Amino acid sequence: MDGNGKRPVRRNRVREFRENRLMTQAQLARKAKVALRTIHSVEKGMNCRMDTKRKILLALGMRFEDKDHVFPPLSLSSELPVEGRFPG
């Protein structure tokens, strides 16, 4: 959590890849067979299930193996507080 009690937001590149393909959120949602609110949430950085990531990737014309380009994994160092340990 950050200083104001909110969870850090995960950044992904779904919006970037969607816009590069000139797709709206609604078009991506239809093609991926997920709810529009799911696409909205994912683009805002909310976490989603692996199956949802797979559907989004395929709808964008990508392979599942490309997931780390669209959904970069969190590095452990970004999860640790400055002191290097979790609050106890």
PDB file of N, CA and C in Angstrom:
ATOM      1  N   MET A   1       0.844  -1.185   0.000  1.00  0.00           N
ATOM      2  CA  MET A   1       0.000   0.000   0.000  1.00  0.00           C
ATOM      3  C   MET A   1       0.881   1.237   0.000  1.00  0.00           C
ATOM      4  N   ASP A   2       0.369   2.296  -0.553  1.00  0.00           N
ATOM      5  CA  ASP A   2       1.138   3.528  -0.551  1.00  0.00           C
ATOM      6  C   ASP A   2       0.780   4.364   0.671  1.00  0.00           C
ATOM      7  N   GLY A   3       1.289   5.565   0.741  1.00  0.00           N
ATOM      8  CA  GLY A   3       1.123   6.403   1.919  1.00  0.00           C
ATOM      9  C   GLY A   3      -0.311   6.753   2.262  1.00  0.00           C
ATOM     10  N   ASN A   4      -1.232   6.748   1.288  1.00  0.00           N
ATOM     11  CA  ASN A   4      -2.605   7.135   1.587  1.00  0.00           C
ATOM     12  C   ASN A   4      -3.520   5.926   1.756  1.00  0.00           C
ATOM     13  N   GLY A   5      -2.941   4.729   1.930  1.00  0.00           N
ATOM     14  CA  GLY A   5      -3.731   3.542   2.220  1.00  0.00           C
ATOM     15  C   GLY A   5      -4.296   2.833   1.008  1.00  0.00           C
ATOM     16  N   LYS A   6      -3.947   3.281  -0.199  1.00  0.00           N
ATOM     17  CA  LYS A   6      -4.434   2.632  -1.417  1.00  0.00           C
ATOM     18  C   LYS A   6      -3.396   1.641  -1.919  1.00  0.00           C
ATOM     19  N   ARG A   7      -3.869   0.611  -2.597  1.00  0.00           N
ATOM     20  CA  ARG A   7      -2.962  -0.370  -3.194  1.00  0.00           C
ATOM     21  C   ARG A   7      -2.297   0.256  -4.412  1.00  0.00           C
ATOM     22  N   PRO A   8      -1.025  -0.086  -4.668  1.00  0.00           N
ATOM     23  CA  PRO A   8      -0.388   0.437  -5.880  1.00  0.00           C
ATOM     24  C   PRO A   8      -1.075  -0.129  -7.117  1.00  0.00           C
ATOM     25  N   VAL A   9      -1.139   0.673  -8.162  1.00  0.00           N
ATOM     26  CA  VAL A   9      -1.810   0.266  -9.397  1.00  0.00           C
ATOM     27  C   VAL A   9      -0.782  -0.394 -10.298  1.00  0.00           C
ATOM     28  N   ARG A  10      -1.145  -1.554 -10.844  1.00  0.00           N
ATOM     29  CA  ARG A  10      -0.287  -2.240 -11.810  1.00  0.00           C
ATOM     30  C   ARG A  10      -0.483  -1.609 -13.172  1.00  0.00           C
ATOM     31  N   ARG A  11       0.576  -1.257 -13.803  1.00  0.00           N
ATOM     32  CA  ARG A  11       0.474  -0.691 -15.139  1.00  0.00           C
ATOM     33  C   ARG A  11       0.618  -1.797 -16.163  1.00  0.00           C
ATOM     34  N   ASN A  12      -0.224  -1.777 -17.149  1.00  0.00           N
ATOM     35  CA  ASN A  12      -0.115  -2.699 -18.266  1.00  0.00           C
ATOM     36  C   ASN A  12      -0.240  -1.883 -19.545  1.00  0.00           C
ATOM     37  N   ARG A  13      -0.105  -2.549 -20.666  1.00  0.00           N
ATOM     38  CA  ARG A  13      -0.073  -1.845 -21.944  1.00  0.00           C
ATOM     39  C   ARG A  13      -1.293  -2.162 -22.800  1.00  0.00           C
ATOM     40  N   VAL A  14      -2.381  -2.614 -22.188  1.00  0.00           N
ATOM     41  CA  VAL A  14      -3.574  -2.977 -22.940  1.00  0.00           C
ATOM     42  C   VAL A  14      -4.087  -1.791 -23.746  1.00  0.00           C
ATOM     43  N   ARG A  15      -4.216  -0.640 -23.107  1.00  0.00           N
ATOM     44  CA  ARG A  15      -4.733   0.537 -23.817  1.00  0.00           C
ATOM     45  C   ARG A  15      -3.846   0.904 -25.003  1.00  0.00           C
ATOM     46  N   GLU A  16      -2.541   0.880 -24.784  1.00  0.00           N
ATOM     47  CA  GLU A  16      -1.594   1.214 -25.853  1.00  0.00           C
ATOM     48  C   GLU A  16      -1.775   0.280 -27.059  1.00  0.00           C
ATOM     49  N   PHE A  17      -1.819  -1.031 -26.818  1.00  0.00           N
ATOM     50  CA  PHE A  17      -1.974  -1.991 -27.912  1.00  0.00           C
ATOM     51  C   PHE A  17      -3.354  -1.875 -28.562  1.00  0.00           C
ATOM     52  N   ARG A  18      -4.389  -1.632 -27.756  1.00  0.00           N
ATOM     53  CA  ARG A  18      -5.748  -1.479 -28.294  1.00  0.00           C
ATOM     54  C   ARG A  18      -5.824  -0.256 -29.207  1.00  0.00           C
ATOM     55  N   GLU A  19      -5.297   0.862 -28.745  1.00  0.00           N
ATOM     56  CA  GLU A  19      -5.340   2.082 -29.546  1.00  0.00           C
ATOM     57  C   GLU A  19      -4.495   1.971 -30.809  1.00  0.00           C
ATOM     58  N   ASN A  20      -3.376   1.260 -30.730  1.00  0.00           N
ATOM     59  CA  ASN A  20      -2.546   1.050 -31.930  1.00  0.00           C
ATOM     60  C   ASN A  20      -3.298   0.261 -32.995  1.00  0.00           C
ATOM     61  N   ARG A  21      -4.270  -0.539 -32.567  1.00  0.00           N
ATOM     62  CA  ARG A  21      -5.079  -1.320 -33.497  1.00  0.00           C
ATOM     63  C   ARG A  21      -6.395  -0.602 -33.842  1.00  0.00           C
ATOM     64  N   LEU A  22      -6.502   0.660 -33.404  1.00  0.00           N
ATOM     65  CA  LEU A  22      -7.677   1.492 -33.673  1.00  0.00           C
ATOM     66  C   LEU A  22      -8.972   0.826 -33.204  1.00  0.00           C
ATOM     67  N   MET A  23      -8.934   0.213 -32.038  1.00  0.00           N
ATOM     68  CA  MET A  23     -10.100  -0.453 -31.460  1.00  0.00           C
ATOM     69  C   MET A  23     -10.622   0.364 -30.293  1.00  0.00           C
ATOM     70  N   THR A  24     -11.932   0.350 -30.124  1.00  0.00           N
ATOM     71  CA  THR A  24     -12.523   0.943 -28.924  1.00  0.00           C
ATOM     72  C   THR A  24     -12.513  -0.107 -27.814  1.00  0.00           C
ATOM     73  N   GLN A  25     -12.779   0.337 -26.602  1.00  0.00           N
ATOM     74  CA  GLN A  25     -12.896  -0.605 -25.496  1.00  0.00           C
ATOM     75  C   GLN A  25     -14.032  -1.588 -25.759  1.00  0.00           C
ATOM     76  N   ALA A  26     -15.132  -1.098 -26.312  1.00  0.00           N
ATOM     77  CA  ALA A  26     -16.285  -1.959 -26.588  1.00  0.00           C
ATOM     78  C   ALA A  26     -15.941  -3.013 -27.642  1.00  0.00           C
ATOM     79  N   GLN A  27     -15.190  -2.622 -28.658  1.00  0.00           N
ATOM     80  CA  GLN A  27     -14.798  -3.589 -29.681  1.00  0.00           C
ATOM     81  C   GLN A  27     -13.893  -4.672 -29.105  1.00  0.00           C
ATOM     82  N   LEU A  28     -12.942  -4.257 -28.277  1.00  0.00           N
ATOM     83  CA  LEU A  28     -12.052  -5.227 -27.650  1.00  0.00           C
ATOM     84  C   LEU A  28     -12.830  -6.158 -26.734  1.00  0.00           C
ATOM     85  N   ALA A  29     -13.752  -5.610 -25.969  1.00  0.00           N
ATOM     86  CA  ALA A  29     -14.558  -6.431 -25.065  1.00  0.00           C
ATOM     87  C   ALA A  29     -15.361  -7.470 -25.844  1.00  0.00           C
ATOM     88  N   ARG A  30     -15.987  -7.039 -26.944  1.00  0.00           N
ATOM     89  CA  ARG A  30     -16.763  -7.983 -27.768  1.00  0.00           C
ATOM     90  C   ARG A  30     -15.875  -9.072 -28.349  1.00  0.00           C
ATOM     91  N   LYS A  31     -14.731  -8.670 -28.885  1.00  0.00           N
ATOM     92  CA  LYS A  31     -13.834  -9.641 -29.514  1.00  0.00           C
ATOM     93  C   LYS A  31     -13.239 -10.600 -28.488  1.00  0.00           C
ATOM     94  N   ALA A  32     -12.962 -10.103 -27.287  1.00  0.00           N
ATOM     95  CA  ALA A  32     -12.390 -10.944 -26.228  1.00  0.00           C
ATOM     96  C   ALA A  32     -13.466 -11.736 -25.477  1.00  0.00           C
ATOM     97  N   LYS A  33     -14.724 -11.382 -25.722  1.00  0.00           N
ATOM     98  CA  LYS A  33     -15.860 -12.020 -25.027  1.00  0.00           C
ATOM     99  C   LYS A  33     -15.760 -11.834 -23.515  1.00  0.00           C
ATOM    100  N   VAL A  34     -15.486 -10.580 -23.133  1.00  0.00           N
ATOM    101  CA  VAL A  34     -15.491 -10.173 -21.725  1.00  0.00           C
ATOM    102  C   VAL A  34     -16.355  -8.924 -21.609  1.00  0.00           C
ATOM    103  N   ALA A  35     -16.701  -8.570 -20.404  1.00  0.00           N
ATOM    104  CA  ALA A  35     -17.522  -7.384 -20.166  1.00  0.00           C
ATOM    105  C   ALA A  35     -16.714  -6.110 -20.442  1.00  0.00           C
ATOM    106  N   LEU A  36     -17.409  -5.090 -20.898  1.00  0.00           N
ATOM    107  CA  LEU A  36     -16.774  -3.792 -21.134  1.00  0.00           C
ATOM    108  C   LEU A  36     -16.122  -3.280 -19.855  1.00  0.00           C
ATOM    109  N   ARG A  37     -16.781  -3.459 -18.722  1.00  0.00           N
ATOM    110  CA  ARG A  37     -16.204  -2.988 -17.450  1.00  0.00           C
ATOM    111  C   ARG A  37     -14.907  -3.720 -17.113  1.00  0.00           C
ATOM    112  N   THR A  38     -14.752  -4.953 -17.623  1.00  0.00           N
ATOM    113  CA  THR A  38     -13.502  -5.687 -17.417  1.00  0.00           C
ATOM    114  C   THR A  38     -12.365  -4.998 -18.149  1.00  0.00           C
ATOM    115  N   ILE A  39     -12.604  -4.623 -19.402  1.00  0.00           N
ATOM    116  CA  ILE A  39     -11.575  -3.917 -20.183  1.00  0.00           C
ATOM    117  C   ILE A  39     -11.244  -2.592 -19.505  1.00  0.00           C
ATOM    118  N   HIS A  40     -12.265  -1.874 -19.078  1.00  0.00           N
ATOM    119  CA  HIS A  40     -12.054  -0.599 -18.395  1.00  0.00           C
ATOM    120  C   HIS A  40     -11.188  -0.793 -17.153  1.00  0.00           C
ATOM    121  N   SER A  41     -11.520  -1.786 -16.338  1.00  0.00           N
ATOM    122  CA  SER A  41     -10.770  -2.042 -15.104  1.00  0.00           C
ATOM    123  C   SER A  41      -9.328  -2.450 -15.389  1.00  0.00           C
ATOM    124  N   VAL A  42      -9.149  -3.319 -16.374  1.00  0.00           N
ATOM    125  CA  VAL A  42      -7.801  -3.772 -16.717  1.00  0.00           C
ATOM    126  C   VAL A  42      -6.953  -2.593 -17.190  1.00  0.00           C
ATOM    127  N   GLU A  43      -7.528  -1.737 -18.013  1.00  0.00           N
ATOM    128  CA  GLU A  43      -6.779  -0.575 -18.495  1.00  0.00           C
ATOM    129  C   GLU A  43      -6.463   0.410 -17.377  1.00  0.00           C
ATOM    130  N   LYS A  44      -7.260   0.412 -16.328  1.00  0.00           N
ATOM    131  CA  LYS A  44      -6.982   1.265 -15.171  1.00  0.00           C
ATOM    132  C   LYS A  44      -5.923   0.662 -14.256  1.00  0.00           C
ATOM    133  N   GLY A  45      -5.511  -0.587 -14.553  1.00  0.00           N
ATOM    134  CA  GLY A  45      -4.445  -1.206 -13.770  1.00  0.00           C
ATOM    135  C   GLY A  45      -4.906  -2.250 -12.775  1.00  0.00           C
ATOM    136  N   MET A  46      -6.198  -2.560 -12.777  1.00  0.00           N
ATOM    137  CA  MET A  46      -6.676  -3.587 -11.857  1.00  0.00           C
ATOM    138  C   MET A  46      -6.188  -4.956 -12.325  1.00  0.00           C
ATOM    139  N   ASN A  47      -6.007  -5.856 -11.371  1.00  0.00           N
ATOM    140  CA  ASN A  47      -5.559  -7.202 -11.701  1.00  0.00           C
ATOM    141  C   ASN A  47      -6.709  -7.985 -12.313  1.00  0.00           C
ATOM    142  N   CYS A  48      -6.380  -9.000 -13.098  1.00  0.00           N
ATOM    143  CA  CYS A  48      -7.406  -9.861 -13.681  1.00  0.00           C
ATOM    144  C   CYS A  48      -6.880 -11.289 -13.732  1.00  0.00           C
ATOM    145  N   ARG A  49      -7.793 -12.216 -13.974  1.00  0.00           N
ATOM    146  CA  ARG A  49      -7.412 -13.625 -14.033  1.00  0.00           C
ATOM    147  C   ARG A  49      -6.588 -13.904 -15.288  1.00  0.00           C
ATOM    148  N   MET A  50      -5.828 -14.976 -15.224  1.00  0.00           N
ATOM    149  CA  MET A  50      -4.990 -15.366 -16.355  1.00  0.00           C
ATOM    150  C   MET A  50      -5.841 -15.650 -17.587  1.00  0.00           C
ATOM    151  N   ASP A  51      -7.013 -16.237 -17.412  1.00  0.00           N
ATOM    152  CA  ASP A  51      -7.891 -16.518 -18.544  1.00  0.00           C
ATOM    153  C   ASP A  51      -8.335 -15.224 -19.225  1.00  0.00           C
ATOM    154  N   THR A  52      -8.597 -14.185 -18.432  1.00  0.00           N
ATOM    155  CA  THR A  52      -8.977 -12.885 -19.000  1.00  0.00           C
ATOM    156  C   THR A  52      -7.811 -12.297 -19.781  1.00  0.00           C
ATOM    157  N   LYS A  53      -6.608 -12.404 -19.250  1.00  0.00           N
ATOM    158  CA  LYS A  53      -5.425 -11.924 -19.975  1.00  0.00           C
ATOM    159  C   LYS A  53      -5.295 -12.656 -21.307  1.00  0.00           C
ATOM    160  N   ARG A  54      -5.511 -13.963 -21.291  1.00  0.00           N
ATOM    161  CA  ARG A  54      -5.419 -14.768 -22.513  1.00  0.00           C
ATOM    162  C   ARG A  54      -6.436 -14.286 -23.552  1.00  0.00           C
ATOM    163  N   LYS A  55      -7.674 -14.054 -23.112  1.00  0.00           N
ATOM    164  CA  LYS A  55      -8.723 -13.600 -24.030  1.00  0.00           C
ATOM    165  C   LYS A  55      -8.384 -12.234 -24.629  1.00  0.00           C
ATOM    166  N   ILE A  56      -7.876 -11.343 -23.811  1.00  0.00           N
ATOM    167  CA  ILE A  56      -7.504 -10.003 -24.280  1.00  0.00           C
ATOM    168  C   ILE A  56      -6.359 -10.090 -25.282  1.00  0.00           C
ATOM    169  N   LEU A  57      -5.346 -10.885 -24.950  1.00  0.00           N
ATOM    170  CA  LEU A  57      -4.208 -11.041 -25.854  1.00  0.00           C
ATOM    171  C   LEU A  57      -4.638 -11.576 -27.213  1.00  0.00           C
ATOM    172  N   LEU A  58      -5.459 -12.622 -27.200  1.00  0.00           N
ATOM    173  CA  LEU A  58      -5.924 -13.208 -28.466  1.00  0.00           C
ATOM    174  C   LEU A  58      -6.778 -12.216 -29.252  1.00  0.00           C
ATOM    175  N   ALA A  59      -7.610 -11.441 -28.557  1.00  0.00           N
ATOM    176  CA  ALA A  59      -8.442 -10.440 -29.227  1.00  0.00           C
ATOM    177  C   ALA A  59      -7.588  -9.331 -29.852  1.00  0.00           C
ATOM    178  N   LEU A  60      -6.426  -9.085 -29.273  1.00  0.00           N
ATOM    179  CA  LEU A  60      -5.506  -8.090 -29.822  1.00  0.00           C
ATOM    180  C   LEU A  60      -4.634  -8.679 -30.936  1.00  0.00           C
ATOM    181  N   GLY A  61      -4.845  -9.967 -31.249  1.00  0.00           N
ATOM    182  CA  GLY A  61      -4.066 -10.606 -32.305  1.00  0.00           C
ATOM    183  C   GLY A  61      -2.683 -11.014 -31.857  1.00  0.00           C
ATOM    184  N   MET A  62      -2.526 -11.223 -30.557  1.00  0.00           N
ATOM    185  CA  MET A  62      -1.228 -11.589 -30.007  1.00  0.00           C
ATOM    186  C   MET A  62      -1.268 -13.021 -29.493  1.00  0.00           C
ATOM    187  N   ARG A  63      -0.097 -13.553 -29.224  1.00  0.00           N
ATOM    188  CA  ARG A  63      -0.007 -14.897 -28.657  1.00  0.00           C
ATOM    189  C   ARG A  63       0.053 -14.795 -27.138  1.00  0.00           C
ATOM    190  N   PHE A  64      -0.353 -15.863 -26.477  1.00  0.00           N
ATOM    191  CA  PHE A  64      -0.292 -15.870 -25.018  1.00  0.00           C
ATOM    192  C   PHE A  64       1.142 -15.690 -24.536  1.00  0.00           C
ATOM    193  N   GLU A  65       2.089 -16.162 -25.314  1.00  0.00           N
ATOM    194  CA  GLU A  65       3.504 -16.033 -24.951  1.00  0.00           C
ATOM    195  C   GLU A  65       3.941 -14.566 -24.887  1.00  0.00           C
ATOM    196  N   ASP A  66       3.153 -13.665 -25.476  1.00  0.00           N
ATOM    197  CA  ASP A  66       3.472 -12.232 -25.460  1.00  0.00           C
ATOM    198  C   ASP A  66       2.954 -11.530 -24.210  1.00  0.00           C
ATOM    199  N   LYS A  67       2.416 -12.294 -23.266  1.00  0.00           N
ATOM    200  CA  LYS A  67       1.751 -11.686 -22.108  1.00  0.00           C
ATOM    201  C   LYS A  67       2.646 -10.746 -21.323  1.00  0.00           C
ATOM    202  N   ASP A  68       3.942 -11.044 -21.225  1.00  0.00           N
ATOM    203  CA  ASP A  68       4.829 -10.175 -20.440  1.00  0.00           C
ATOM    204  C   ASP A  68       5.073  -8.828 -21.108  1.00  0.00           C
ATOM    205  N   HIS A  69       4.794  -8.719 -22.406  1.00  0.00           N
ATOM    206  CA  HIS A  69       4.909  -7.430 -23.095  1.00  0.00           C
ATOM    207  C   HIS A  69       3.698  -6.545 -22.807  1.00  0.00           C
ATOM    208  N   VAL A  70       2.553  -7.181 -22.626  1.00  0.00           N
ATOM    209  CA  VAL A  70       1.315  -6.440 -22.389  1.00  0.00           C
ATOM    210  C   VAL A  70       1.041  -6.305 -20.897  1.00  0.00           C
ATOM    211  N   PHE A  71       1.308  -7.365 -20.153  1.00  0.00           N
ATOM    212  CA  PHE A  71       1.092  -7.395 -18.709  1.00  0.00           C
ATOM    213  C   PHE A  71       2.426  -7.640 -18.021  1.00  0.00           C
ATOM    214  N   PRO A  72       3.262  -6.602 -17.881  1.00  0.00           N
ATOM    215  CA  PRO A  72       4.585  -6.806 -17.294  1.00  0.00           C
ATOM    216  C   PRO A  72       4.478  -7.361 -15.872  1.00  0.00           C
ATOM    217  N   PRO A  73       5.309  -8.353 -15.544  1.00  0.00           N
ATOM    218  CA  PRO A  73       5.272  -8.895 -14.188  1.00  0.00           C
ATOM    219  C   PRO A  73       5.803  -7.870 -13.194  1.00  0.00           C
ATOM    220  N   LEU A  74       5.281  -7.947 -11.974  1.00  0.00           N
ATOM    221  CA  LEU A  74       5.783  -7.068 -10.920  1.00  0.00           C
ATOM    222  C   LEU A  74       7.136  -7.571 -10.467  1.00  0.00           C
ATOM    223  N   SER A  75       8.064  -6.681 -10.299  1.00  0.00           N
ATOM    224  CA  SER A  75       9.341  -7.097  -9.730  1.00  0.00           C
ATOM    225  C   SER A  75       9.207  -7.063  -8.220  1.00  0.00           C
ATOM    226  N   LEU A  76       9.908  -7.949  -7.557  1.00  0.00           N
ATOM    227  CA  LEU A  76       9.826  -8.036  -6.105  1.00  0.00           C
ATOM    228  C   LEU A  76      10.242  -6.725  -5.459  1.00  0.00           C
ATOM    229  N   SER A  77      11.229  -6.050  -6.043  1.00  0.00           N
ATOM    230  CA  SER A  77      11.717  -4.805  -5.452  1.00  0.00           C
ATOM    231  C   SER A  77      10.647  -3.724  -5.442  1.00  0.00           C
ATOM    232  N   SER A  78       9.712  -3.752  -6.399  1.00  0.00           N
ATOM    233  CA  SER A  78       8.666  -2.731  -6.413  1.00  0.00           C
ATOM    234  C   SER A  78       7.620  -2.992  -5.337  1.00  0.00           C
ATOM    235  N   GLU A  79       7.591  -4.202  -4.788  1.00  0.00           N
ATOM    236  CA  GLU A  79       6.637  -4.542  -3.746  1.00  0.00           C
ATOM    237  C   GLU A  79       7.171  -4.203  -2.354  1.00  0.00           C
ATOM    238  N   LEU A  80       8.487  -4.093  -2.215  1.00  0.00           N
ATOM    239  CA  LEU A  80       9.080  -3.881  -0.896  1.00  0.00           C
ATOM    240  C   LEU A  80       9.085  -2.415  -0.517  1.00  0.00           C
ATOM    241  N   PRO A  81       8.810  -2.118   0.744  1.00  0.00           N
ATOM    242  CA  PRO A  81       8.952  -0.737   1.206  1.00  0.00           C
ATOM    243  C   PRO A  81      10.410  -0.315   1.148  1.00  0.00           C
ATOM    244  N   VAL A  82      10.670   0.968   1.314  1.00  0.00           N
ATOM    245  CA  VAL A  82      12.005   1.512   1.221  1.00  0.00           C
ATOM    246  C   VAL A  82      12.966   0.820   2.193  1.00  0.00           C
ATOM    247  N   GLU A  83      12.484   0.480   3.388  1.00  0.00           N
ATOM    248  CA  GLU A  83      13.346  -0.140   4.390  1.00  0.00           C
ATOM    249  C   GLU A  83      13.783  -1.541   3.990  1.00  0.00           C
ATOM    250  N   GLY A  84      13.111  -2.138   2.988  1.00  0.00           N
ATOM    251  CA  GLY A  84      13.481  -3.453   2.517  1.00  0.00           C
ATOM    252  C   GLY A  84      12.785  -4.587   3.223  1.00  0.00           C
ATOM    253  N   ARG A  85      11.790  -4.285   4.032  1.00  0.00           N
ATOM    254  CA  ARG A  85      11.032  -5.352   4.695  1.00  0.00           C
ATOM    255  C   ARG A  85       9.593  -4.929   4.822  1.00  0.00           C
ATOM    256  N   PHE A  86       8.735  -5.904   4.947  1.00  0.00           N
ATOM    257  CA  PHE A  86       7.317  -5.623   5.070  1.00  0.00           C
ATOM    258  C   PHE A  86       6.996  -5.194   6.483  1.00  0.00           C
ATOM    259  N   PRO A  87       6.004  -4.319   6.655  1.00  0.00           N
ATOM    260  CA  PRO A  87       5.621  -3.917   8.007  1.00  0.00           C
ATOM    261  C   PRO A  87       5.125  -5.120   8.786  1.00  0.00           C
ATOM    262  N   GLY A  88       5.471  -5.191  10.021  1.00  0.00           N
ATOM    263  CA  GLY A  88       5.102  -6.363  10.814  1.00  0.00           C
ATOM    264  C   GLY A  88       4.211  -5.993  11.883  1.00  0.00           C
TER     265      GLY A  88
END
